[in-house]
PDB file of all heavy atoms in Angstrom:
ATOM      1  N   LYS A   1       0.814  -1.221   0.011  1.00  0.00           N
ATOM      2  CA  LYS A   1      -0.030   0.029  -0.032  1.00  0.00           C
ATOM      3  C   LYS A   1       0.889   1.210   0.012  1.00  0.00           C
ATOM      4  O   LYS A   1       0.528   2.212  -0.707  1.00  0.00           O
ATOM      5  CB  LYS A   1      -0.895  -0.014   1.280  1.00  0.00           C
ATOM      6  CG  LYS A   1      -1.838   1.184   1.368  1.00  0.00           C
ATOM      7  CD  LYS A   1      -2.641   1.114   2.745  1.00  0.00           C
ATOM      8  CE  LYS A   1      -3.477   2.342   2.850  1.00  0.00           C
ATOM      9  NZ  LYS A   1      -4.227   2.308   4.105  1.00  0.00           N
ATOM     10  N   SER A   2       1.835   1.253   0.845  1.00  0.00           N
ATOM     11  CA  SER A   2       2.837   2.423   0.945  1.00  0.00           C
ATOM     12  C   SER A   2       4.192   1.923   1.315  1.00  0.00           C
ATOM     13  O   SER A   2       4.330   0.803   2.039  1.00  0.00           O
ATOM     14  CB  SER A   2       2.264   3.518   1.887  1.00  0.00           C
ATOM     15  OG  SER A   2       2.403   2.945   3.230  1.00  0.00           O
ATOM     16  N   VAL A   3       5.204   2.638   1.005  1.00  0.00           N
ATOM     17  CA  VAL A   3       6.577   2.321   1.332  1.00  0.00           C
ATOM     18  C   VAL A   3       7.352   3.558   1.703  1.00  0.00           C
ATOM     19  O   VAL A   3       7.518   4.534   0.917  1.00  0.00           O
ATOM     20  CB  VAL A   3       7.380   1.670   0.197  1.00  0.00           C
ATOM     21  CG1 VAL A   3       8.757   1.298   0.661  1.00  0.00           C
ATOM     22  CG2 VAL A   3       6.662   0.420  -0.337  1.00  0.00           C
ATOM     23  N   VAL A   4       7.651   3.720   2.984  1.00  0.00           N
ATOM     24  CA  VAL A   4       8.462   4.770   3.530  1.00  0.00           C
ATOM     25  C   VAL A   4       9.932   4.248   3.763  1.00  0.00           C
ATOM     26  O   VAL A   4      10.091   3.274   4.317  1.00  0.00           O
ATOM     27  CB  VAL A   4       7.900   5.355   4.885  1.00  0.00           C
ATOM     28  CG1 VAL A   4       8.887   6.240   5.600  1.00  0.00           C
ATOM     29  CG2 VAL A   4       6.496   5.931   4.662  1.00  0.00           C
ATOM     30  N   ILE A   5      10.866   5.043   3.266  1.00  0.00           N
ATOM     31  CA  ILE A   5      12.328   4.712   3.396  1.00  0.00           C
ATOM     32  C   ILE A   5      12.725   5.174   4.673  1.00  0.00           C
ATOM     33  O   ILE A   5      12.642   6.366   5.080  1.00  0.00           O
ATOM     34  CB  ILE A   5      13.077   5.214   2.360  1.00  0.00           C
ATOM     35  CG1 ILE A   5      12.561   4.684   0.929  1.00  0.00           C
ATOM     36  CG2 ILE A   5      14.644   4.878   2.418  1.00  0.00           C
ATOM     37  CD1 ILE A   5      13.109   5.407  -0.321  1.00  0.00           C
ATOM     38  N   CYS A   6      13.393   4.286   5.520  1.00  0.00           N
ATOM     39  CA  CYS A   6      13.843   4.683   6.892  1.00  0.00           C
ATOM     40  C   CYS A   6      15.418   4.397   6.902  1.00  0.00           C
ATOM     41  O   CYS A   6      15.866   3.261   6.589  1.00  0.00           O
ATOM     42  CB  CYS A   6      13.151   3.961   7.925  1.00  0.00           C
ATOM     43  SG  CYS A   6      13.787   4.440   9.613  1.00  0.00           S
ATOM     44  N   CYS A   7      16.282   5.378   7.085  1.00  0.00           N
ATOM     45  CA  CYS A   7      17.617   5.174   7.162  1.00  0.00           C
ATOM     46  C   CYS A   7      18.317   5.943   8.305  1.00  0.00           C
ATOM     47  O   CYS A   7      17.677   6.824   8.818  1.00  0.00           O
ATOM     48  CB  CYS A   7      18.313   5.597   5.837  1.00  0.00           C
ATOM     49  SG  CYS A   7      18.034   7.409   5.621  1.00  0.00           S
ATOM     50  N   PHE A   8      19.545   5.453   8.734  1.00  0.00           N
ATOM     51  CA  PHE A   8      20.177   6.122   9.667  1.00  0.00           C
ATOM     52  C   PHE A   8      20.780   7.500   9.264  1.00  0.00           C
ATOM     53  O   PHE A   8      20.639   8.552   9.798  1.00  0.00           O
ATOM     54  CB  PHE A   8      21.374   5.329  10.279  1.00  0.00           C
ATOM     55  CG  PHE A   8      22.368   6.103  11.162  1.00  0.00           C
ATOM     56  CD1 PHE A   8      21.836   6.813  12.479  1.00  0.00           C
ATOM     57  CD2 PHE A   8      23.555   6.389  10.736  1.00  0.00           C
ATOM     58  CE1 PHE A   8      22.768   7.441  13.101  1.00  0.00           C
ATOM     59  CE2 PHE A   8      24.420   7.141  11.528  1.00  0.00           C
ATOM     60  CZ  PHE A   8      24.013   7.720  12.718  1.00  0.00           C
ATOM     61  N   SER A   9      21.349   7.471   8.028  1.00  0.00           N
ATOM     62  CA  SER A   9      22.063   8.694   7.633  1.00  0.00           C
ATOM     63  C   SER A   9      21.682   8.856   6.140  1.00  0.00           C
ATOM     64  O   SER A   9      21.708   7.940   5.281  1.00  0.00           O
ATOM     65  CB  SER A   9      23.516   8.682   7.748  1.00  0.00           C
ATOM     66  OG  SER A   9      24.116   9.988   7.600  1.00  0.00           O
ATOM     67  N   ARG A  10      21.460  10.129   5.722  1.00  0.00           N
ATOM     68  CA  ARG A  10      21.038  10.516   4.317  1.00  0.00           C
ATOM     69  C   ARG A  10      22.076  11.454   3.761  1.00  0.00           C
ATOM     70  O   ARG A  10      22.398  12.543   4.375  1.00  0.00           O
ATOM     71  CB  ARG A  10      19.657  11.122   4.328  1.00  0.00           C
ATOM     72  CG  ARG A  10      18.985  11.428   2.993  1.00  0.00           C
ATOM     73  CD  ARG A  10      17.736  11.990   3.007  1.00  0.00           C
ATOM     74  NE  ARG A  10      17.232  12.334   1.800  1.00  0.00           N
ATOM     75  CZ  ARG A  10      15.984  12.863   1.519  1.00  0.00           C
ATOM     76  NH1 ARG A  10      15.228  13.373   2.645  1.00  0.00           N
ATOM     77  NH2 ARG A  10      15.530  13.147   0.262  1.00  0.00           N
ATOM     78  N   VAL A  11      22.564  11.187   2.688  1.00  0.00           N
ATOM     79  CA  VAL A  11      23.615  12.075   1.940  1.00  0.00           C
ATOM     80  C   VAL A  11      22.853  13.220   1.305  1.00  0.00           C
ATOM     81  O   VAL A  11      22.155  13.066   0.223  1.00  0.00           O
ATOM     82  CB  VAL A  11      24.432  11.381   0.909  1.00  0.00           C
ATOM     83  CG1 VAL A  11      25.447  12.302   0.334  1.00  0.00           C
ATOM     84  CG2 VAL A  11      25.200  10.194   1.658  1.00  0.00           C
ATOM     85  N   LEU A  12      22.940  14.442   1.827  1.00  0.00           N
ATOM     86  CA  LEU A  12      22.288  15.624   1.231  1.00  0.00           C
ATOM     87  C   LEU A  12      23.294  16.765   1.478  1.00  0.00           C
ATOM     88  O   LEU A  12      23.103  17.557   2.405  1.00  0.00           O
ATOM     89  CB  LEU A  12      20.880  15.885   1.906  1.00  0.00           C
ATOM     90  CG  LEU A  12      19.784  15.126   1.420  1.00  0.00           C
ATOM     91  CD1 LEU A  12      18.511  15.603   2.305  1.00  0.00           C
ATOM     92  CD2 LEU A  12      19.454  15.271  -0.006  1.00  0.00           C
ATOM     93  N   ASP A  13      24.343  16.841   0.636  1.00  0.00           N
ATOM     94  CA  ASP A  13      25.330  17.870   0.849  1.00  0.00           C
ATOM     95  C   ASP A  13      24.834  19.283   0.850  1.00  0.00           C
ATOM     96  O   ASP A  13      25.249  20.113   1.644  1.00  0.00           O
ATOM     97  CB  ASP A  13      26.451  17.769  -0.234  1.00  0.00           C
ATOM     98  CG  ASP A  13      27.267  16.393  -0.086  1.00  0.00           C
ATOM     99  OD1 ASP A  13      27.117  15.828   0.994  1.00  0.00           O
ATOM    100  OD2 ASP A  13      27.930  16.098  -0.946  1.00  0.00           O
ATOM    101  N   GLU A  14      23.819  19.512   0.073  1.00  0.00           N
ATOM    102  CA  GLU A  14      23.257  20.934  -0.008  1.00  0.00           C
ATOM    103  C   GLU A  14      22.593  21.312   1.248  1.00  0.00           C
ATOM    104  O   GLU A  14      22.282  22.426   1.493  1.00  0.00           O
ATOM    105  CB  GLU A  14      22.415  20.954  -1.242  1.00  0.00           C
ATOM    106  CG  GLU A  14      20.978  20.269  -1.082  1.00  0.00           C
ATOM    107  CD  GLU A  14      21.081  18.812  -1.505  1.00  0.00           C
ATOM    108  OE1 GLU A  14      22.146  18.291  -1.631  1.00  0.00           O
ATOM    109  OE2 GLU A  14      19.973  18.226  -1.620  1.00  0.00           O
ATOM    110  N   ALA A  15      22.131  20.300   2.075  1.00  0.00           N
ATOM    111  CA  ALA A  15      21.405  20.655   3.257  1.00  0.00           C
ATOM    112  C   ALA A  15      22.380  20.902   4.444  1.00  0.00           C
ATOM    113  O   ALA A  15      21.909  21.309   5.503  1.00  0.00           O
ATOM    114  CB  ALA A  15      20.419  19.443   3.671  1.00  0.00           C
ATOM    115  N   LEU A  16      23.679  20.733   4.288  1.00  0.00           N
ATOM    116  CA  LEU A  16      24.610  21.041   5.219  1.00  0.00           C
ATOM    117  C   LEU A  16      25.295  22.312   4.912  1.00  0.00           C
ATOM    118  O   LEU A  16      26.052  22.448   3.922  1.00  0.00           O
ATOM    119  CB  LEU A  16      25.650  19.851   5.362  1.00  0.00           C
ATOM    120  CG  LEU A  16      24.976  18.542   5.757  1.00  0.00           C
ATOM    121  CD1 LEU A  16      26.046  17.371   5.547  1.00  0.00           C
ATOM    122  CD2 LEU A  16      24.567  18.551   7.199  1.00  0.00           C
ATOM    123  N   VAL A  17      25.167  23.335   5.730  1.00  0.00           N
ATOM    124  CA  VAL A  17      25.695  24.661   5.419  1.00  0.00           C
ATOM    125  C   VAL A  17      27.117  24.691   5.591  1.00  0.00           C
ATOM    126  O   VAL A  17      27.853  25.253   4.838  1.00  0.00           O
ATOM    127  CB  VAL A  17      25.067  25.716   6.391  1.00  0.00           C
ATOM    128  CG1 VAL A  17      25.591  27.146   6.143  1.00  0.00           C
ATOM    129  CG2 VAL A  17      23.508  25.775   6.192  1.00  0.00           C
ATOM    130  N   SER A  18      27.695  23.973   6.619  1.00  0.00           N
ATOM    131  CA  SER A  18      29.199  23.942   6.873  1.00  0.00           C
ATOM    132  C   SER A  18      29.450  22.398   7.120  1.00  0.00           C
ATOM    133  O   SER A  18      28.622  21.474   6.949  1.00  0.00           O
ATOM    134  CB  SER A  18      29.538  24.683   8.020  1.00  0.00           C
ATOM    135  OG  SER A  18      28.857  24.336   9.147  1.00  0.00           O
ATOM    136  N   ALA A  19      30.716  22.183   7.335  1.00  0.00           N
ATOM    137  CA  ALA A  19      31.189  20.821   7.610  1.00  0.00           C
ATOM    138  C   ALA A  19      31.620  20.214   6.406  1.00  0.00           C
ATOM    139  O   ALA A  19      30.789  19.999   5.398  1.00  0.00           O
ATOM    140  CB  ALA A  19      30.256  19.922   8.359  1.00  0.00           C
ATOM    141  N   LYS A  20      32.848  19.751   6.282  1.00  0.00           N
ATOM    142  CA  LYS A  20      33.475  19.098   5.003  1.00  0.00           C
ATOM    143  C   LYS A  20      32.924  17.663   4.981  1.00  0.00           C
ATOM    144  O   LYS A  20      32.870  16.925   5.947  1.00  0.00           O
ATOM    145  CB  LYS A  20      34.891  19.042   5.171  1.00  0.00           C
ATOM    146  CG  LYS A  20      35.704  18.497   3.924  1.00  0.00           C
ATOM    147  CD  LYS A  20      37.029  18.530   4.065  1.00  0.00           C
ATOM    148  CE  LYS A  20      37.790  17.949   2.766  1.00  0.00           C
ATOM    149  NZ  LYS A  20      39.251  17.934   2.933  1.00  0.00           N
ATOM    150  N   GLN A  21      32.172  17.329   3.688  1.00  0.00           N
ATOM    151  CA  GLN A  21      31.668  16.024   3.724  1.00  0.00           C
ATOM    152  C   GLN A  21      32.442  15.008   2.959  1.00  0.00           C
ATOM    153  O   GLN A  21      33.267  15.422   2.121  1.00  0.00           O
ATOM    154  CB  GLN A  21      30.248  16.220   3.005  1.00  0.00           C
ATOM    155  CG  GLN A  21      29.271  17.033   3.646  1.00  0.00           C
ATOM    156  CD  GLN A  21      28.983  16.539   5.112  1.00  0.00           C
ATOM    157  OE1 GLN A  21      28.513  15.463   5.228  1.00  0.00           O
ATOM    158  NE2 GLN A  21      29.298  17.344   6.002  1.00  0.00           N
ATOM    159  N   GLN A  22      32.311  13.744   3.310  1.00  0.00           N
ATOM    160  CA  GLN A  22      32.953  12.667   2.554  1.00  0.00           C
ATOM    161  C   GLN A  22      31.840  11.593   2.110  1.00  0.00           C
ATOM    162  O   GLN A  22      30.985  11.339   2.953  1.00  0.00           O
ATOM    163  CB  GLN A  22      33.997  12.027   3.432  1.00  0.00           C
ATOM    164  CG  GLN A  22      35.142  12.925   3.965  1.00  0.00           C
ATOM    165  CD  GLN A  22      36.115  12.157   4.846  1.00  0.00           C
ATOM    166  OE1 GLN A  22      36.488  10.892   4.342  1.00  0.00           O
ATOM    167  NE2 GLN A  22      36.510  12.731   5.881  1.00  0.00           N
ATOM    168  N   LYS A  23      31.982  11.151   0.935  1.00  0.00           N
ATOM    169  CA  LYS A  23      30.912  10.158   0.457  1.00  0.00           C
ATOM    170  C   LYS A  23      31.171   8.831   1.083  1.00  0.00           C
ATOM    171  O   LYS A  23      32.280   8.456   1.299  1.00  0.00           O
ATOM    172  CB  LYS A  23      31.126  10.012  -1.165  1.00  0.00           C
ATOM    173  CG  LYS A  23      30.802  11.362  -1.845  1.00  0.00           C
ATOM    174  CD  LYS A  23      29.353  11.650  -1.729  1.00  0.00           C
ATOM    175  CE  LYS A  23      28.965  12.912  -2.575  1.00  0.00           C
ATOM    176  NZ  LYS A  23      27.617  13.407  -2.398  1.00  0.00           N
ATOM    177  N   PRO A  24      30.071   8.078   1.415  1.00  0.00           N
ATOM    178  CA  PRO A  24      30.187   6.784   1.950  1.00  0.00           C
ATOM    179  C   PRO A  24      30.575   5.782   0.957  1.00  0.00           C
ATOM    180  O   PRO A  24      30.443   5.950  -0.232  1.00  0.00           O
ATOM    181  CB  PRO A  24      28.831   6.538   2.523  1.00  0.00           C
ATOM    182  CG  PRO A  24      27.898   7.261   1.511  1.00  0.00           C
ATOM    183  CD  PRO A  24      28.682   8.551   1.195  1.00  0.00           C
TER     184      PRO A  24
END
């Protein structure tokens, strides 16, 4: 009927104003 995705961490670089990101 429906599928909600649930994760511990989501890669959204544009949502992080600061902090240097590294890809998993």
